[in-house]
Amino acid sequence: MQVLYFAWVRERIGLPKETVETTAVTVMDLVEELRQREERYALAFSDLSALRVALDQELSDFEASLEGVREVAFFPPMTGG
């Protein structure tokens, strides 16, 4: 699946996107797999309250199933103004 990173998440990981082979069942499972990769991922995913997730371009949550999902995007909350 494609995993996209935006804003400071991209800056901490150092990639805008990557293709990930995973056995994760939920978004949280995927986050745990990513955290185990390297320190930069652990840092990016250290505070999930500061992150949002979208599955196939629809806002979702960290307990959501990844079944059939082709794209996961992680980004900080948006602010309006």
PDB file of N, CA and C in Angstrom:
ATOM      1  N   MET A   1       0.847  -1.173   0.000  1.00  0.00           N
ATOM      2  CA  MET A   1       0.000   0.000   0.000  1.00  0.00           C
ATOM      3  C   MET A   1       0.888   1.230   0.000  1.00  0.00           C
ATOM      4  N   GLN A   2       0.333   2.320  -0.476  1.00  0.00           N
ATOM      5  CA  GLN A   2       1.040   3.595  -0.463  1.00  0.00           C
ATOM      6  C   GLN A   2       0.814   4.263   0.890  1.00  0.00           C
ATOM      7  N   VAL A   3       1.876   4.767   1.480  1.00  0.00           N
ATOM      8  CA  VAL A   3       1.775   5.522   2.721  1.00  0.00           C
ATOM      9  C   VAL A   3       2.329   6.914   2.432  1.00  0.00           C
ATOM     10  N   LEU A   4       1.505   7.922   2.708  1.00  0.00           N
ATOM     11  CA  LEU A   4       1.866   9.315   2.444  1.00  0.00           C
ATOM     12  C   LEU A   4       2.081  10.049   3.759  1.00  0.00           C
ATOM     13  N   TYR A   5       3.071  10.943   3.749  1.00  0.00           N
ATOM     14  CA  TYR A   5       3.383  11.733   4.938  1.00  0.00           C
ATOM     15  C   TYR A   5       3.340  13.207   4.554  1.00  0.00           C
ATOM     16  N   PHE A   6       2.704  14.021   5.399  1.00  0.00           N
ATOM     17  CA  PHE A   6       2.562  15.447   5.117  1.00  0.00           C
ATOM     18  C   PHE A   6       3.111  16.293   6.266  1.00  0.00           C
ATOM     19  N   ALA A   7       3.519  17.521   5.923  1.00  0.00           N
ATOM     20  CA  ALA A   7       3.971  18.539   6.883  1.00  0.00           C
ATOM     21  C   ALA A   7       5.133  18.015   7.723  1.00  0.00           C
ATOM     22  N   TRP A   8       5.077  18.217   9.043  1.00  0.00           N
ATOM     23  CA  TRP A   8       6.208  17.825   9.886  1.00  0.00           C
ATOM     24  C   TRP A   8       6.396  16.314   9.953  1.00  0.00           C
ATOM     25  N   VAL A   9       5.371  15.527   9.652  1.00  0.00           N
ATOM     26  CA  VAL A   9       5.532  14.066   9.612  1.00  0.00           C
ATOM     27  C   VAL A   9       6.516  13.723   8.494  1.00  0.00           C
ATOM     28  N   ARG A  10       6.341  14.327   7.336  1.00  0.00           N
ATOM     29  CA  ARG A  10       7.244  14.124   6.191  1.00  0.00           C
ATOM     30  C   ARG A  10       8.655  14.590   6.553  1.00  0.00           C
ATOM     31  N   GLU A  11       8.753  15.722   7.233  1.00  0.00           N
ATOM     32  CA  GLU A  11      10.069  16.250   7.598  1.00  0.00           C
ATOM     33  C   GLU A  11      10.799  15.307   8.551  1.00  0.00           C
ATOM     34  N   ARG A  12      10.100  14.755   9.514  1.00  0.00           N
ATOM     35  CA  ARG A  12      10.748  13.847  10.475  1.00  0.00           C
ATOM     36  C   ARG A  12      11.149  12.523   9.838  1.00  0.00           C
ATOM     37  N   ILE A  13      10.307  12.008   8.953  1.00  0.00           N
ATOM     38  CA  ILE A  13      10.611  10.724   8.318  1.00  0.00           C
ATOM     39  C   ILE A  13      11.574  10.905   7.150  1.00  0.00           C
ATOM     40  N   GLY A  14      11.479  12.041   6.478  1.00  0.00           N
ATOM     41  CA  GLY A  14      12.386  12.309   5.371  1.00  0.00           C
ATOM     42  C   GLY A  14      11.895  11.818   4.027  1.00  0.00           C
ATOM     43  N   LEU A  15      10.634  11.423   3.965  1.00  0.00           N
ATOM     44  CA  LEU A  15      10.026  10.934   2.719  1.00  0.00           C
ATOM     45  C   LEU A  15       8.624  11.501   2.566  1.00  0.00           C
ATOM     46  N   PRO A  16       8.220  11.838   1.336  1.00  0.00           N
ATOM     47  CA  PRO A  16       6.833  12.268   1.141  1.00  0.00           C
ATOM     48  C   PRO A  16       5.870  11.083   1.051  1.00  0.00           C
ATOM     49  N   LYS A  17       6.392   9.934   0.556  1.00  0.00           N
ATOM     50  CA  LYS A  17       5.556   8.732   0.439  1.00  0.00           C
ATOM     51  C   LYS A  17       6.450   7.522   0.238  1.00  0.00           C
ATOM     52  N   GLU A  18       5.866   6.362   0.469  1.00  0.00           N
ATOM     53  CA  GLU A  18       6.576   5.113   0.230  1.00  0.00           C
ATOM     54  C   GLU A  18       5.564   3.986   0.070  1.00  0.00           C
ATOM     55  N   THR A  19       6.003   2.937  -0.587  1.00  0.00           N
ATOM     56  CA  THR A  19       5.192   1.737  -0.706  1.00  0.00           C
ATOM     57  C   THR A  19       5.592   0.807   0.428  1.00  0.00           C
ATOM     58  N   VAL A  20       4.604   0.350   1.180  1.00  0.00           N
ATOM     59  CA  VAL A  20       4.857  -0.468   2.362  1.00  0.00           C
ATOM     60  C   VAL A  20       4.182  -1.820   2.199  1.00  0.00           C
ATOM     61  N   GLU A  21       4.953  -2.868   2.407  1.00  0.00           N
ATOM     62  CA  GLU A  21       4.401  -4.221   2.492  1.00  0.00           C
ATOM     63  C   GLU A  21       4.107  -4.458   3.963  1.00  0.00           C
ATOM     64  N   THR A  22       2.868  -4.785   4.277  1.00  0.00           N
ATOM     65  CA  THR A  22       2.488  -4.907   5.684  1.00  0.00           C
ATOM     66  C   THR A  22       1.507  -6.048   5.910  1.00  0.00           C
ATOM     67  N   THR A  23       1.531  -6.557   7.122  1.00  0.00           N
ATOM     68  CA  THR A  23       0.536  -7.537   7.552  1.00  0.00           C
ATOM     69  C   THR A  23      -0.432  -6.888   8.542  1.00  0.00           C
ATOM     70  N   ALA A  24      -0.339  -5.566   8.693  1.00  0.00           N
ATOM     71  CA  ALA A  24      -1.175  -4.832   9.643  1.00  0.00           C
ATOM     72  C   ALA A  24      -2.658  -4.994   9.312  1.00  0.00           C
ATOM     73  N   VAL A  25      -3.457  -5.150  10.349  1.00  0.00           N
ATOM     74  CA  VAL A  25      -4.899  -5.284  10.212  1.00  0.00           C
ATOM     75  C   VAL A  25      -5.581  -3.929  10.390  1.00  0.00           C
ATOM     76  N   THR A  26      -5.024  -3.112  11.291  1.00  0.00           N
ATOM     77  CA  THR A  26      -5.594  -1.789  11.555  1.00  0.00           C
ATOM     78  C   THR A  26      -4.522  -0.722  11.328  1.00  0.00           C
ATOM     79  N   VAL A  27      -4.957   0.530  11.303  1.00  0.00           N
ATOM     80  CA  VAL A  27      -4.012   1.639  11.184  1.00  0.00           C
ATOM     81  C   VAL A  27      -3.026   1.595  12.345  1.00  0.00           C
ATOM     82  N   MET A  28      -3.502   1.321  13.549  1.00  0.00           N
ATOM     83  CA  MET A  28      -2.615   1.265  14.713  1.00  0.00           C
ATOM     84  C   MET A  28      -1.559   0.189  14.545  1.00  0.00           C
ATOM     85  N   ASP A  29      -1.926  -0.951  13.980  1.00  0.00           N
ATOM     86  CA  ASP A  29      -0.942  -2.006  13.701  1.00  0.00           C
ATOM     87  C   ASP A  29       0.132  -1.486  12.744  1.00  0.00           C
ATOM     88  N   LEU A  30      -0.289  -0.742  11.722  1.00  0.00           N
ATOM     89  CA  LEU A  30       0.650  -0.170  10.764  1.00  0.00           C
ATOM     90  C   LEU A  30       1.576   0.812  11.464  1.00  0.00           C
ATOM     91  N   VAL A  31       1.032   1.664  12.314  1.00  0.00           N
ATOM     92  CA  VAL A  31       1.842   2.634  13.061  1.00  0.00           C
ATOM     93  C   VAL A  31       2.894   1.894  13.889  1.00  0.00           C
ATOM     94  N   GLU A  32       2.492   0.815  14.552  1.00  0.00           N
ATOM     95  CA  GLU A  32       3.449   0.048  15.363  1.00  0.00           C
ATOM     96  C   GLU A  32       4.552  -0.546  14.489  1.00  0.00           C
ATOM     97  N   GLU A  33       4.207  -1.057  13.321  1.00  0.00           N
ATOM     98  CA  GLU A  33       5.219  -1.582  12.393  1.00  0.00           C
ATOM     99  C   GLU A  33       6.185  -0.475  11.970  1.00  0.00           C
ATOM    100  N   LEU A  34       5.642   0.684  11.641  1.00  0.00           N
ATOM    101  CA  LEU A  34       6.482   1.803  11.215  1.00  0.00           C
ATOM    102  C   LEU A  34       7.385   2.272  12.357  1.00  0.00           C
ATOM    103  N   ARG A  35       6.851   2.353  13.562  1.00  0.00           N
ATOM    104  CA  ARG A  35       7.648   2.773  14.727  1.00  0.00           C
ATOM    105  C   ARG A  35       8.866   1.873  14.937  1.00  0.00           C
ATOM    106  N   GLN A  36       8.722   0.601  14.620  1.00  0.00           N
ATOM    107  CA  GLN A  36       9.804  -0.360  14.829  1.00  0.00           C
ATOM    108  C   GLN A  36      10.908  -0.253  13.779  1.00  0.00           C
ATOM    109  N   ARG A  37      10.657   0.426  12.679  1.00  0.00           N
ATOM    110  CA  ARG A  37      11.638   0.525  11.591  1.00  0.00           C
ATOM    111  C   ARG A  37      12.911   1.248  12.001  1.00  0.00           C
ATOM    112  N   GLU A  38      12.752   2.487  12.396  1.00  0.00           N
ATOM    113  CA  GLU A  38      13.896   3.343  12.717  1.00  0.00           C
ATOM    114  C   GLU A  38      13.445   4.423  13.686  1.00  0.00           C
ATOM    115  N   GLU A  39      14.428   5.088  14.282  1.00  0.00           N
ATOM    116  CA  GLU A  39      14.125   6.140  15.250  1.00  0.00           C
ATOM    117  C   GLU A  39      13.328   7.284  14.633  1.00  0.00           C
ATOM    118  N   ARG A  40      13.592   7.599  13.371  1.00  0.00           N
ATOM    119  CA  ARG A  40      12.864   8.714  12.743  1.00  0.00           C
ATOM    120  C   ARG A  40      11.360   8.420  12.662  1.00  0.00           C
ATOM    121  N   TYR A  41      10.986   7.172  12.436  1.00  0.00           N
ATOM    122  CA  TYR A  41       9.572   6.799  12.429  1.00  0.00           C
ATOM    123  C   TYR A  41       9.009   6.844  13.849  1.00  0.00           C
ATOM    124  N   ALA A  42       9.774   6.334  14.798  1.00  0.00           N
ATOM    125  CA  ALA A  42       9.328   6.359  16.195  1.00  0.00           C
ATOM    126  C   ALA A  42       9.070   7.797  16.634  1.00  0.00           C
ATOM    127  N   LEU A  43       9.938   8.716  16.238  1.00  0.00           N
ATOM    128  CA  LEU A  43       9.765  10.124  16.574  1.00  0.00           C
ATOM    129  C   LEU A  43       8.507  10.696  15.912  1.00  0.00           C
ATOM    130  N   ALA A  44       8.330  10.403  14.636  1.00  0.00           N
ATOM    131  CA  ALA A  44       7.172  10.933  13.896  1.00  0.00           C
ATOM    132  C   ALA A  44       5.849  10.443  14.481  1.00  0.00           C
ATOM    133  N   PHE A  45       5.835   9.219  14.991  1.00  0.00           N
ATOM    134  CA  PHE A  45       4.599   8.632  15.521  1.00  0.00           C
ATOM    135  C   PHE A  45       4.586   8.570  17.049  1.00  0.00           C
ATOM    136  N   SER A  46       5.370   9.423  17.698  1.00  0.00           N
ATOM    137  CA  SER A  46       5.458   9.380  19.158  1.00  0.00           C
ATOM    138  C   SER A  46       4.217   9.950  19.850  1.00  0.00           C
ATOM    139  N   ASP A  47       3.527  10.875  19.204  1.00  0.00           N
ATOM    140  CA  ASP A  47       2.340  11.493  19.814  1.00  0.00           C
ATOM    141  C   ASP A  47       1.179  11.434  18.817  1.00  0.00           C
ATOM    142  N   LEU A  48       0.402  10.377  18.900  1.00  0.00           N
ATOM    143  CA  LEU A  48      -0.688  10.186  17.937  1.00  0.00           C
ATOM    144  C   LEU A  48      -1.804  11.210  18.102  1.00  0.00           C
ATOM    145  N   SER A  49      -1.884  11.862  19.252  1.00  0.00           N
ATOM    146  CA  SER A  49      -2.906  12.898  19.416  1.00  0.00           C
ATOM    147  C   SER A  49      -2.629  14.100  18.514  1.00  0.00           C
ATOM    148  N   ALA A  50      -1.398  14.197  18.013  1.00  0.00           N
ATOM    149  CA  ALA A  50      -1.014  15.294  17.114  1.00  0.00           C
ATOM    150  C   ALA A  50      -1.093  14.884  15.653  1.00  0.00           C
ATOM    151  N   LEU A  51      -1.691  13.723  15.386  1.00  0.00           N
ATOM    152  CA  LEU A  51      -1.782  13.212  14.018  1.00  0.00           C
ATOM    153  C   LEU A  51      -3.208  12.882  13.625  1.00  0.00           C
ATOM    154  N   ARG A  52      -3.468  12.983  12.351  1.00  0.00           N
ATOM    155  CA  ARG A  52      -4.711  12.524  11.749  1.00  0.00           C
ATOM    156  C   ARG A  52      -4.342  11.507  10.670  1.00  0.00           C
ATOM    157  N   VAL A  53      -5.325  10.701  10.304  1.00  0.00           N
ATOM    158  CA  VAL A  53      -5.089   9.689   9.282  1.00  0.00           C
ATOM    159  C   VAL A  53      -6.259   9.681   8.298  1.00  0.00           C
ATOM    160  N   ALA A  54      -5.929   9.455   7.038  1.00  0.00           N
ATOM    161  CA  ALA A  54      -6.950   9.298   6.003  1.00  0.00           C
ATOM    162  C   ALA A  54      -6.674   7.987   5.276  1.00  0.00           C
ATOM    163  N   LEU A  55      -7.741   7.251   5.009  1.00  0.00           N
ATOM    164  CA  LEU A  55      -7.655   6.000   4.262  1.00  0.00           C
ATOM    165  C   LEU A  55      -8.334   6.208   2.921  1.00  0.00           C
ATOM    166  N   ASP A  56      -7.576   6.024   1.861  1.00  0.00           N
ATOM    167  CA  ASP A  56      -8.092   6.277   0.511  1.00  0.00           C
ATOM    168  C   ASP A  56      -8.781   7.642   0.433  1.00  0.00           C
ATOM    169  N   GLN A  57      -8.132   8.644   1.009  1.00  0.00           N
ATOM    170  CA  GLN A  57      -8.528  10.052   0.975  1.00  0.00           C
ATOM    171  C   GLN A  57      -9.786  10.375   1.774  1.00  0.00           C
ATOM    172  N   GLU A  58     -10.118   9.520   2.754  1.00  0.00           N
ATOM    173  CA  GLU A  58     -11.247   9.795   3.649  1.00  0.00           C
ATOM    174  C   GLU A  58     -10.745   9.772   5.083  1.00  0.00           C
ATOM    175  N   LEU A  59     -11.064  10.811   5.851  1.00  0.00           N
ATOM    176  CA  LEU A  59     -10.641  10.852   7.250  1.00  0.00           C
ATOM    177  C   LEU A  59     -11.093   9.599   7.981  1.00  0.00           C
ATOM    178  N   SER A  60     -10.223   9.113   8.832  1.00  0.00           N
ATOM    179  CA  SER A  60     -10.512   7.890   9.554  1.00  0.00           C
ATOM    180  C   SER A  60      -9.906   7.988  10.949  1.00  0.00           C
ATOM    181  N   ASP A  61      -9.768   6.837  11.621  1.00  0.00           N
ATOM    182  CA  ASP A  61      -9.137   6.826  12.940  1.00  0.00           C
ATOM    183  C   ASP A  61      -8.143   5.673  13.004  1.00  0.00           C
ATOM    184  N   PHE A  62      -7.390   5.632  14.089  1.00  0.00           N
ATOM    185  CA  PHE A  62      -6.301   4.673  14.214  1.00  0.00           C
ATOM    186  C   PHE A  62      -6.775   3.246  14.468  1.00  0.00           C
ATOM    187  N   GLU A  63      -8.031   3.068  14.793  1.00  0.00           N
ATOM    188  CA  GLU A  63      -8.565   1.716  15.001  1.00  0.00           C
ATOM    189  C   GLU A  63      -9.204   1.145  13.731  1.00  0.00           C
ATOM    190  N   ALA A  64      -9.225   1.925  12.667  1.00  0.00           N
ATOM    191  CA  ALA A  64      -9.874   1.505  11.419  1.00  0.00           C
ATOM    192  C   ALA A  64      -9.137   0.332  10.763  1.00  0.00           C
ATOM    193  N   SER A  65      -9.916  -0.490  10.099  1.00  0.00           N
ATOM    194  CA  SER A  65      -9.379  -1.632   9.363  1.00  0.00           C
ATOM    195  C   SER A  65      -8.674  -1.169   8.095  1.00  0.00           C
ATOM    196  N   LEU A  66      -7.612  -1.882   7.731  1.00  0.00           N
ATOM    197  CA  LEU A  66      -6.892  -1.598   6.491  1.00  0.00           C
ATOM    198  C   LEU A  66      -7.329  -2.510   5.345  1.00  0.00           C
ATOM    199  N   GLU A  67      -8.334  -3.323   5.583  1.00  0.00           N
ATOM    200  CA  GLU A  67      -8.794  -4.252   4.547  1.00  0.00           C
ATOM    201  C   GLU A  67      -9.227  -3.489   3.304  1.00  0.00           C
ATOM    202  N   GLY A  68      -8.612  -3.802   2.180  1.00  0.00           N
ATOM    203  CA  GLY A  68      -8.953  -3.180   0.908  1.00  0.00           C
ATOM    204  C   GLY A  68      -8.396  -1.776   0.715  1.00  0.00           C
ATOM    205  N   VAL A  69      -7.696  -1.245   1.694  1.00  0.00           N
ATOM    206  CA  VAL A  69      -7.161   0.114   1.608  1.00  0.00           C
ATOM    207  C   VAL A  69      -5.913   0.127   0.727  1.00  0.00           C
ATOM    208  N   ARG A  70      -5.856   1.105  -0.165  1.00  0.00           N
ATOM    209  CA  ARG A  70      -4.699   1.244  -1.060  1.00  0.00           C
ATOM    210  C   ARG A  70      -3.776   2.371  -0.642  1.00  0.00           C
ATOM    211  N   GLU A  71      -4.314   3.364   0.096  1.00  0.00           N
ATOM    212  CA  GLU A  71      -3.513   4.528   0.457  1.00  0.00           C
ATOM    213  C   GLU A  71      -3.823   4.966   1.880  1.00  0.00           C
ATOM    214  N   VAL A  72      -2.760   5.179   2.652  1.00  0.00           N
ATOM    215  CA  VAL A  72      -2.883   5.697   4.016  1.00  0.00           C
ATOM    216  C   VAL A  72      -2.069   6.980   4.074  1.00  0.00           C
ATOM    217  N   ALA A  73      -2.688   8.046   4.582  1.00  0.00           N
ATOM    218  CA  ALA A  73      -2.002   9.339   4.690  1.00  0.00           C
ATOM    219  C   ALA A  73      -1.988   9.776   6.150  1.00  0.00           C
ATOM    220  N   PHE A  74      -0.828  10.229   6.603  1.00  0.00           N
ATOM    221  CA  PHE A  74      -0.661  10.757   7.965  1.00  0.00           C
ATOM    222  C   PHE A  74      -0.331  12.240   7.869  1.00  0.00           C
ATOM    223  N   PHE A  75      -1.002  13.049   8.696  1.00  0.00           N
ATOM    224  CA  PHE A  75      -0.800  14.494   8.640  1.00  0.00           C
ATOM    225  C   PHE A  75      -1.231  15.113   9.968  1.00  0.00           C
ATOM    226  N   PRO A  76      -0.713  16.305  10.280  1.00  0.00           N
ATOM    227  CA  PRO A  76      -1.150  17.000  11.490  1.00  0.00           C
ATOM    228  C   PRO A  76      -2.545  17.568  11.288  1.00  0.00           C
ATOM    229  N   PRO A  77      -3.251  17.884  12.368  1.00  0.00           N
ATOM    230  CA  PRO A  77      -4.584  18.494  12.230  1.00  0.00           C
ATOM    231  C   PRO A  77      -4.488  19.808  11.458  1.00  0.00           C
ATOM    232  N   MET A  78      -5.486  20.082  10.682  1.00  0.00           N
ATOM    233  CA  MET A  78      -5.532  21.330   9.921  1.00  0.00           C
ATOM    234  C   MET A  78      -6.155  22.421  10.768  1.00  0.00           C
ATOM    235  N   THR A  79      -5.683  23.624  10.569  1.00  0.00           N
ATOM    236  CA  THR A  79      -6.295  24.755  11.247  1.00  0.00           C
ATOM    237  C   THR A  79      -6.826  25.724  10.210  1.00  0.00           C
ATOM    238  N   GLY A  80      -7.932  26.333  10.496  1.00  0.00           N
ATOM    239  CA  GLY A  80      -8.518  27.290   9.577  1.00  0.00           C
ATOM    240  C   GLY A  80      -8.176  28.713   9.976  1.00  0.00           C
ATOM    241  N   GLY A  81      -8.441  29.619   9.070  1.00  0.00           N
ATOM    242  CA  GLY A  81      -8.139  30.974   9.443  1.00  0.00           C
ATOM    243  C   GLY A  81      -8.672  31.967   8.453  1.00  0.00           C
TER     244      GLY A  81
END
